[in-house]
C-alpha atoms as a PDB file:
ATOM      1  CA  UNK A   1     113.208  13.853 -17.774  1.00  0.00           C
ATOM      2  CA  UNK A   2     112.104  13.520 -14.173  1.00  0.00           C
ATOM      3  CA  UNK A   3     108.384  13.284 -13.520  1.00  0.00           C
ATOM      4  CA  UNK A   4     106.747  14.769 -10.415  1.00  0.00           C
ATOM      5  CA  UNK A   5     103.392  13.673  -9.080  1.00  0.00           C
ATOM      6  CA  UNK A   6     101.407  15.194  -6.246  1.00  0.00           C
ATOM      7  CA  UNK A   7      99.130  12.630  -4.616  1.00  0.00           C
ATOM      8  CA  UNK A   8      96.686  12.696  -1.717  1.00  0.00           C
ATOM      9  CA  UNK A   9      96.838   9.882   0.821  1.00  0.00           C
ATOM     10  CA  UNK A  10      94.587   9.087   3.769  1.00  0.00           C
ATOM     11  CA  UNK A  11      96.418   9.417   7.121  1.00  0.00           C
ATOM     12  CA  UNK A  12      95.512   5.861   8.143  1.00  0.00           C
ATOM     13  CA  UNK A  13      97.606   4.626   5.206  1.00  0.00           C
ATOM     14  CA  UNK A  14     100.542   6.947   5.854  1.00  0.00           C
ATOM     15  CA  UNK A  15     101.164   8.636   9.227  1.00  0.00           C
ATOM     16  CA  UNK A  16      99.406  10.180  12.238  1.00  0.00           C
ATOM     17  CA  UNK A  17      95.906   8.966  11.425  1.00  0.00           C
ATOM     18  CA  UNK A  18      94.443   9.654  14.867  1.00  0.00           C
ATOM     19  CA  UNK A  19      96.087  13.048  15.366  1.00  0.00           C
ATOM     20  CA  UNK A  20      95.009  14.412  11.994  1.00  0.00           C
ATOM     21  CA  UNK A  21      91.421  13.332  12.539  1.00  0.00           C
ATOM     22  CA  UNK A  22      91.016  15.956  15.283  1.00  0.00           C
ATOM     23  CA  UNK A  23      93.763  18.462  14.421  1.00  0.00           C
ATOM     24  CA  UNK A  24      91.421  20.971  12.760  1.00  0.00           C
ATOM     25  CA  UNK A  25      93.187  23.322  10.356  1.00  0.00           C
ATOM     26  CA  UNK A  26      96.660  22.440  11.625  1.00  0.00           C
ATOM     27  CA  UNK A  27      99.415  21.868   9.095  1.00  0.00           C
ATOM     28  CA  UNK A  28     102.067  19.176   9.627  1.00  0.00           C
ATOM     29  CA  UNK A  29     105.105  18.876   7.387  1.00  0.00           C
ATOM     30  CA  UNK A  30     107.826  16.254   7.297  1.00  0.00           C
ATOM     31  CA  UNK A  31     111.160  18.057   7.234  1.00  0.00           C
ATOM     32  CA  UNK A  32     113.249  17.199   4.175  1.00  0.00           C
ATOM     33  CA  UNK A  33     116.668  15.898   5.168  1.00  0.00           C
ATOM     34  CA  UNK A  34     119.333  13.587   3.785  1.00  0.00           C
ATOM     35  CA  UNK A  35     119.121  10.388   5.878  1.00  0.00           C
ATOM     36  CA  UNK A  36     122.472   9.429   7.430  1.00  0.00           C
ATOM     37  CA  UNK A  37     121.017   6.543   9.411  1.00  0.00           C
ATOM     38  CA  UNK A  38     118.055   4.203   9.433  1.00  0.00           C
ATOM     39  CA  UNK A  39     115.619   6.593  11.099  1.00  0.00           C
ATOM     40  CA  UNK A  40     112.783   7.884   8.920  1.00  0.00           C
ATOM     41  CA  UNK A  41     111.623  11.515   8.942  1.00  0.00           C
ATOM     42  CA  UNK A  42     112.911  12.537  12.390  1.00  0.00           C
ATOM     43  CA  UNK A  43     111.585  16.126  12.217  1.00  0.00           C
ATOM     44  CA  UNK A  44     108.116  17.611  11.890  1.00  0.00           C
ATOM     45  CA  UNK A  45     107.024  21.223  11.580  1.00  0.00           C
ATOM     46  CA  UNK A  46     103.622  21.802  13.180  1.00  0.00           C
ATOM     47  CA  UNK A  47     101.732  24.995  12.290  1.00  0.00           C
ATOM     48  CA  UNK A  48      98.480  25.674  14.131  1.00  0.00           C
ATOM     49  CA  UNK A  49      96.669  28.154  16.348  1.00  0.00           C
ATOM     50  CA  UNK A  50      97.674  25.935  19.274  1.00  0.00           C
ATOM     51  CA  UNK A  51     100.770  23.916  18.265  1.00  0.00           C
ATOM     52  CA  UNK A  52     101.181  22.405  21.736  1.00  0.00           C
ATOM     53  CA  UNK A  53      97.805  20.676  21.574  1.00  0.00           C
ATOM     54  CA  UNK A  54      98.576  19.275  18.115  1.00  0.00           C
ATOM     55  CA  UNK A  55     102.019  18.086  19.283  1.00  0.00           C
ATOM     56  CA  UNK A  56     100.371  16.366  22.247  1.00  0.00           C
ATOM     57  CA  UNK A  57      98.090  14.552  19.782  1.00  0.00           C
ATOM     58  CA  UNK A  58     101.104  13.500  17.713  1.00  0.00           C
ATOM     59  CA  UNK A  59     102.948  12.288  20.815  1.00  0.00           C
ATOM     60  CA  UNK A  60      99.952  10.082  21.675  1.00  0.00           C
ATOM     61  CA  UNK A  61     100.103   8.287  18.316  1.00  0.00           C
ATOM     62  CA  UNK A  62     100.838   4.534  18.589  1.00  0.00           C
ATOM     63  CA  UNK A  63     103.631   4.921  16.008  1.00  0.00           C
ATOM     64  CA  UNK A  64     105.405   7.626  18.071  1.00  0.00           C
ATOM     65  CA  UNK A  65     107.390   6.710  21.162  1.00  0.00           C
ATOM     66  CA  UNK A  66     109.144  10.046  21.749  1.00  0.00           C
ATOM     67  CA  UNK A  67     108.537  13.655  20.707  1.00  0.00           C
ATOM     68  CA  UNK A  68     110.981  16.421  21.590  1.00  0.00           C
ATOM     69  CA  UNK A  69     110.203  20.113  20.843  1.00  0.00           C
ATOM     70  CA  UNK A  70     113.286  21.829  19.409  1.00  0.00           C
ATOM     71  CA  UNK A  71     111.883  25.246  18.590  1.00  0.00           C
ATOM     72  CA  UNK A  72     108.666  26.747  19.934  1.00  0.00           C
ATOM     73  CA  UNK A  73     106.831  29.636  18.299  1.00  0.00           C
ATOM     74  CA  UNK A  74     103.391  31.126  18.857  1.00  0.00           C
ATOM     75  CA  UNK A  75     101.864  29.212  15.947  1.00  0.00           C
ATOM     76  CA  UNK A  76     104.683  26.959  14.689  1.00  0.00           C
ATOM     77  CA  UNK A  77     106.820  24.311  16.405  1.00  0.00           C
ATOM     78  CA  UNK A  78     109.714  22.239  15.112  1.00  0.00           C
ATOM     79  CA  UNK A  79     109.809  18.834  16.823  1.00  0.00           C
ATOM     80  CA  UNK A  80     111.988  15.736  16.670  1.00  0.00           C
ATOM     81  CA  UNK A  81     110.044  12.497  16.473  1.00  0.00           C
ATOM     82  CA  UNK A  82     111.188   8.966  17.152  1.00  0.00           C
ATOM     83  CA  UNK A  83     108.999   6.365  15.512  1.00  0.00           C
ATOM     84  CA  UNK A  84     108.246   2.794  16.493  1.00  0.00           C
ATOM     85  CA  UNK A  85     106.665  -0.146  14.695  1.00  0.00           C
ATOM     86  CA  UNK A  86     106.719  -1.089  10.992  1.00  0.00           C
ATOM     87  CA  UNK A  87     106.740   1.450   8.194  1.00  0.00           C
ATOM     88  CA  UNK A  88     103.429   2.462   6.671  1.00  0.00           C
ATOM     89  CA  UNK A  89     102.174   0.606   3.552  1.00  0.00           C
ATOM     90  CA  UNK A  90     102.636   3.769   1.477  1.00  0.00           C
ATOM     91  CA  UNK A  91     106.295   4.129   2.468  1.00  0.00           C
ATOM     92  CA  UNK A  92     106.942   0.485   1.657  1.00  0.00           C
ATOM     93  CA  UNK A  93     105.327   0.850  -1.775  1.00  0.00           C
ATOM     94  CA  UNK A  94     107.327   4.014  -2.529  1.00  0.00           C
ATOM     95  CA  UNK A  95     110.563   2.329  -1.491  1.00  0.00           C
ATOM     96  CA  UNK A  96     109.865  -0.739  -3.654  1.00  0.00           C
ATOM     97  CA  UNK A  97     109.122   1.513  -6.651  1.00  0.00           C
ATOM     98  CA  UNK A  98     112.342   3.548  -6.127  1.00  0.00           C
ATOM     99  CA  UNK A  99     110.278   6.722  -5.774  1.00  0.00           C
ATOM    100  CA  UNK A 100     111.627   9.822  -4.028  1.00  0.00           C
ATOM    101  CA  UNK A 101     109.372  11.725  -1.647  1.00  0.00           C
ATOM    102  CA  UNK A 102     110.268  15.380  -2.180  1.00  0.00           C
ATOM    103  CA  UNK A 103     107.771  16.728   0.317  1.00  0.00           C
ATOM    104  CA  UNK A 104     104.959  15.517   2.575  1.00  0.00           C
ATOM    105  CA  UNK A 105     102.418  17.957   3.997  1.00  0.00           C
ATOM    106  CA  UNK A 106      99.265  17.160   5.964  1.00  0.00           C
ATOM    107  CA  UNK A 107      96.394  19.653   5.889  1.00  0.00           C
ATOM    108  CA  UNK A 108      92.719  19.219   6.750  1.00  0.00           C
ATOM    109  CA  UNK A 109      93.130  15.541   7.526  1.00  0.00           C
ATOM    110  CA  UNK A 110      94.906  14.516   4.308  1.00  0.00           C
ATOM    111  CA  UNK A 111      98.547  13.938   3.417  1.00  0.00           C
ATOM    112  CA  UNK A 112      99.742  15.525   0.172  1.00  0.00           C
ATOM    113  CA  UNK A 113     102.948  13.924  -1.118  1.00  0.00           C
ATOM    114  CA  UNK A 114     105.151  15.301  -3.870  1.00  0.00           C
ATOM    115  CA  UNK A 115     106.909  12.328  -5.476  1.00  0.00           C
ATOM    116  CA  UNK A 116     109.718  12.266  -8.038  1.00  0.00           C
ATOM    117  CA  UNK A 117     110.158   9.472 -10.584  1.00  0.00           C
ATOM    118  CA  UNK A 118     112.689   8.891 -13.339  1.00  0.00           C
ATOM    119  CA  UNK A 119     109.951   8.296 -15.912  1.00  0.00           C
ATOM    120  CA  UNK A 120     106.207   8.029 -16.451  1.00  0.00           C
ATOM    121  CA  UNK A 121     106.634   4.248 -16.513  1.00  0.00           C
ATOM    122  CA  UNK A 122     108.093   4.312 -13.001  1.00  0.00           C
ATOM    123  CA  UNK A 123     105.171   6.456 -11.827  1.00  0.00           C
ATOM    124  CA  UNK A 124     102.709   3.990 -13.355  1.00  0.00           C
ATOM    125  CA  UNK A 125     104.524   1.084 -11.693  1.00  0.00           C
ATOM    126  CA  UNK A 126     104.309   2.801  -8.307  1.00  0.00           C
ATOM    127  CA  UNK A 127     100.613   3.522  -8.765  1.00  0.00           C
ATOM    128  CA  UNK A 128      99.863  -0.119  -9.556  1.00  0.00           C
ATOM    129  CA  UNK A 129     101.968  -1.321  -6.625  1.00  0.00           C
ATOM    130  CA  UNK A 130      99.774   0.787  -4.366  1.00  0.00           C
ATOM    131  CA  UNK A 131      96.585  -0.562  -5.945  1.00  0.00           C
ATOM    132  CA  UNK A 132      97.837  -4.129  -5.513  1.00  0.00           C
ATOM    133  CA  UNK A 133      98.263  -3.432  -1.795  1.00  0.00           C
ATOM    134  CA  UNK A 134      94.840  -1.781  -1.449  1.00  0.00           C
ATOM    135  CA  UNK A 135      96.436   1.632  -0.956  1.00  0.00           C
ATOM    136  CA  UNK A 136      94.255   4.419  -2.275  1.00  0.00           C
ATOM    137  CA  UNK A 137      96.145   7.280  -3.919  1.00  0.00           C
ATOM    138  CA  UNK A 138      94.396  10.272  -5.414  1.00  0.00           C
ATOM    139  CA  UNK A 139      96.620  11.799  -8.094  1.00  0.00           C
ATOM    140  CA  UNK A 140      96.241  15.586  -7.974  1.00  0.00           C
ATOM    141  CA  UNK A 141      98.919  16.710 -10.427  1.00  0.00           C
ATOM    142  CA  UNK A 142     101.543  15.194 -12.742  1.00  0.00           C
ATOM    143  CA  UNK A 143     104.183  17.277 -14.480  1.00  0.00           C
ATOM    144  CA  UNK A 144     107.622  16.962 -15.968  1.00  0.00           C
ATOM    145  CA  UNK A 145     110.570  18.935 -14.621  1.00  0.00           C
ATOM    146  CA  UNK A 146     110.297  20.905 -11.403  1.00  0.00           C
ATOM    147  CA  UNK A 147     107.253  20.261  -9.252  1.00  0.00           C
ATOM    148  CA  UNK A 148     104.974  22.725  -7.516  1.00  0.00           C
ATOM    149  CA  UNK A 149     105.175  21.526  -3.932  1.00  0.00           C
ATOM    150  CA  UNK A 150     102.330  21.516  -1.429  1.00  0.00           C
ATOM    151  CA  UNK A 151     104.201  24.061   0.701  1.00  0.00           C
ATOM    152  CA  UNK A 152     103.804  26.562  -2.122  1.00  0.00           C
ATOM    153  CA  UNK A 153     100.049  26.506  -1.517  1.00  0.00           C
ATOM    154  CA  UNK A 154      99.357  26.901   2.188  1.00  0.00           C
ATOM    155  CA  UNK A 155      95.972  27.527   3.668  1.00  0.00           C
ATOM    156  CA  UNK A 156      95.774  30.228   6.331  1.00  0.00           C
ATOM    157  CA  UNK A 157      95.286  29.143   9.918  1.00  0.00           C
ATOM    158  CA  UNK A 158      92.459  30.866  11.772  1.00  0.00           C
ATOM    159  CA  UNK A 159      95.027  32.844  13.796  1.00  0.00           C
ATOM    160  CA  UNK A 160      96.709  34.071  10.607  1.00  0.00           C
ATOM    161  CA  UNK A 161      93.333  34.957   9.113  1.00  0.00           C
ATOM    162  CA  UNK A 162      92.402  36.903  12.252  1.00  0.00           C
ATOM    163  CA  UNK A 163      95.722  38.769  12.180  1.00  0.00           C
ATOM    164  CA  UNK A 164      95.269  39.791   8.538  1.00  0.00           C
ATOM    165  CA  UNK A 165      91.647  40.835   9.020  1.00  0.00           C
ATOM    166  CA  UNK A 166      92.437  42.834  12.159  1.00  0.00           C
ATOM    167  CA  UNK A 167      95.417  44.523  10.499  1.00  0.00           C
ATOM    168  CA  UNK A 168      93.357  45.399   7.434  1.00  0.00           C
ATOM    169  CA  UNK A 169      90.393  46.755   9.390  1.00  0.00           C
ATOM    170  CA  UNK A 170      92.706  48.821  11.612  1.00  0.00           C
ATOM    171  CA  UNK A 171      94.494  50.351   8.626  1.00  0.00           C
ATOM    172  CA  UNK A 172      97.848  48.691   9.257  1.00  0.00           C
ATOM    173  CA  UNK A 173      98.408  48.264   5.500  1.00  0.00           C
ATOM    174  CA  UNK A 174      97.194  51.772   4.651  1.00  0.00           C
ATOM    175  CA  UNK A 175      99.480  54.677   3.686  1.00  0.00           C
ATOM    176  CA  UNK A 176      99.995  56.227   6.158  1.00  0.00           C
ATOM    177  CA  UNK A 177      99.391  53.392   8.618  1.00  0.00           C
ATOM    178  CA  UNK A 178      96.365  53.623  10.865  1.00  0.00           C
ATOM    179  CA  UNK A 179      98.011  51.667  13.705  1.00  0.00           C
ATOM    180  CA  UNK A 180     101.526  50.695  14.695  1.00  0.00           C
ATOM    181  CA  UNK A 181     102.711  47.103  15.023  1.00  0.00           C
ATOM    182  CA  UNK A 182     102.644  47.466  18.816  1.00  0.00           C
ATOM    183  CA  UNK A 183      99.022  48.688  18.726  1.00  0.00           C
ATOM    184  CA  UNK A 184      98.060  45.839  16.414  1.00  0.00           C
ATOM    185  CA  UNK A 185      99.759  43.331  18.728  1.00  0.00           C
ATOM    186  CA  UNK A 186      97.741  44.715  21.657  1.00  0.00           C
ATOM    187  CA  UNK A 187      94.513  44.174  19.726  1.00  0.00           C
ATOM    188  CA  UNK A 188      95.527  40.586  18.969  1.00  0.00           C
ATOM    189  CA  UNK A 189      96.672  39.973  22.536  1.00  0.00           C
ATOM    190  CA  UNK A 190     100.170  38.834  21.514  1.00  0.00           C
ATOM    191  CA  UNK A 191     103.697  40.262  21.516  1.00  0.00           C
ATOM    192  CA  UNK A 192     105.107  42.556  18.829  1.00  0.00           C
ATOM    193  CA  UNK A 193     107.393  39.762  17.604  1.00  0.00           C
ATOM    194  CA  UNK A 194     104.567  37.231  17.454  1.00  0.00           C
ATOM    195  CA  UNK A 195     102.349  39.679  15.543  1.00  0.00           C
ATOM    196  CA  UNK A 196     105.109  40.385  13.026  1.00  0.00           C
ATOM    197  CA  UNK A 197     105.823  36.683  12.496  1.00  0.00           C
ATOM    198  CA  UNK A 198     102.140  35.822  12.149  1.00  0.00           C
ATOM    199  CA  UNK A 199     101.562  38.551   9.569  1.00  0.00           C
ATOM    200  CA  UNK A 200     104.620  37.491   7.554  1.00  0.00           C
ATOM    201  CA  UNK A 201     103.533  33.847   7.498  1.00  0.00           C
ATOM    202  CA  UNK A 202      99.980  34.795   6.595  1.00  0.00           C
ATOM    203  CA  UNK A 203     101.096  37.030   3.727  1.00  0.00           C
ATOM    204  CA  UNK A 204     103.514  34.361   2.488  1.00  0.00           C
ATOM    205  CA  UNK A 205     100.745  31.759   2.434  1.00  0.00           C
ATOM    206  CA  UNK A 206      98.255  34.117   0.824  1.00  0.00           C
ATOM    207  CA  UNK A 207     100.709  35.134  -1.896  1.00  0.00           C
ATOM    208  CA  UNK A 208     101.645  31.502  -2.553  1.00  0.00           C
ATOM    209  CA  UNK A 209      97.995  30.602  -3.145  1.00  0.00           C
ATOM    210  CA  UNK A 210      97.456  33.643  -5.377  1.00  0.00           C
ATOM    211  CA  UNK A 211     100.571  33.081  -7.486  1.00  0.00           C
ATOM    212  CA  UNK A 212      99.801  29.378  -7.866  1.00  0.00           C
ATOM    213  CA  UNK A 213      96.311  30.210  -9.097  1.00  0.00           C
ATOM    214  CA  UNK A 214      97.763  32.719 -11.583  1.00  0.00           C
ATOM    215  CA  UNK A 215     100.246  30.116 -12.836  1.00  0.00           C
ATOM    216  CA  UNK A 216      97.441  27.610 -13.411  1.00  0.00           C
ATOM    217  CA  UNK A 217      95.426  30.200 -15.349  1.00  0.00           C
ATOM    218  CA  UNK A 218      98.401  30.961 -17.611  1.00  0.00           C
ATOM    219  CA  UNK A 219      99.298  27.288 -18.200  1.00  0.00           C
END
């Protein structure tokens, strides 16, 4: 049976070390895609109160030689990245151990990788390969079968937290509602569409954290 491990890795040993050091509560995710060429991880999703500033930090990374925004939102951007230079030590170790990276999410200055292995022995081999190369991995979770990915537990950005708090205080979630979406958007200083999207993302993240906590309690 497949074994999944969630590990924490320092940015300096993986990707975007400088950008993540000053990115605040931004969230950066490598887009999962089937590689049809030699390029690694060409897409990133950046979620933050100010995605442009975070993307500018990413573009200034020594390992990045081109960044192209493909989709811009108020608090989330999808960007295409072209990398330069050698692969990180972590990627080399994962490749040599035949590991599969199911997901990679950076939050609060740390990368959280969900890795899939064919067996516990393969996981152990990968761990020791990293130790031999002075790569520090912090194992957060190991389980057989399907893995709980980092994206299923997403911290709220400050903008999402503000939107939820403002909506709650104004009675937006009450029955009947105390304010309309348009009135709530005016209070937040954003468009109706942006307010709706921000609330949906915030509720999705909040529910993911709550349901994950419930699952751990029942395990």
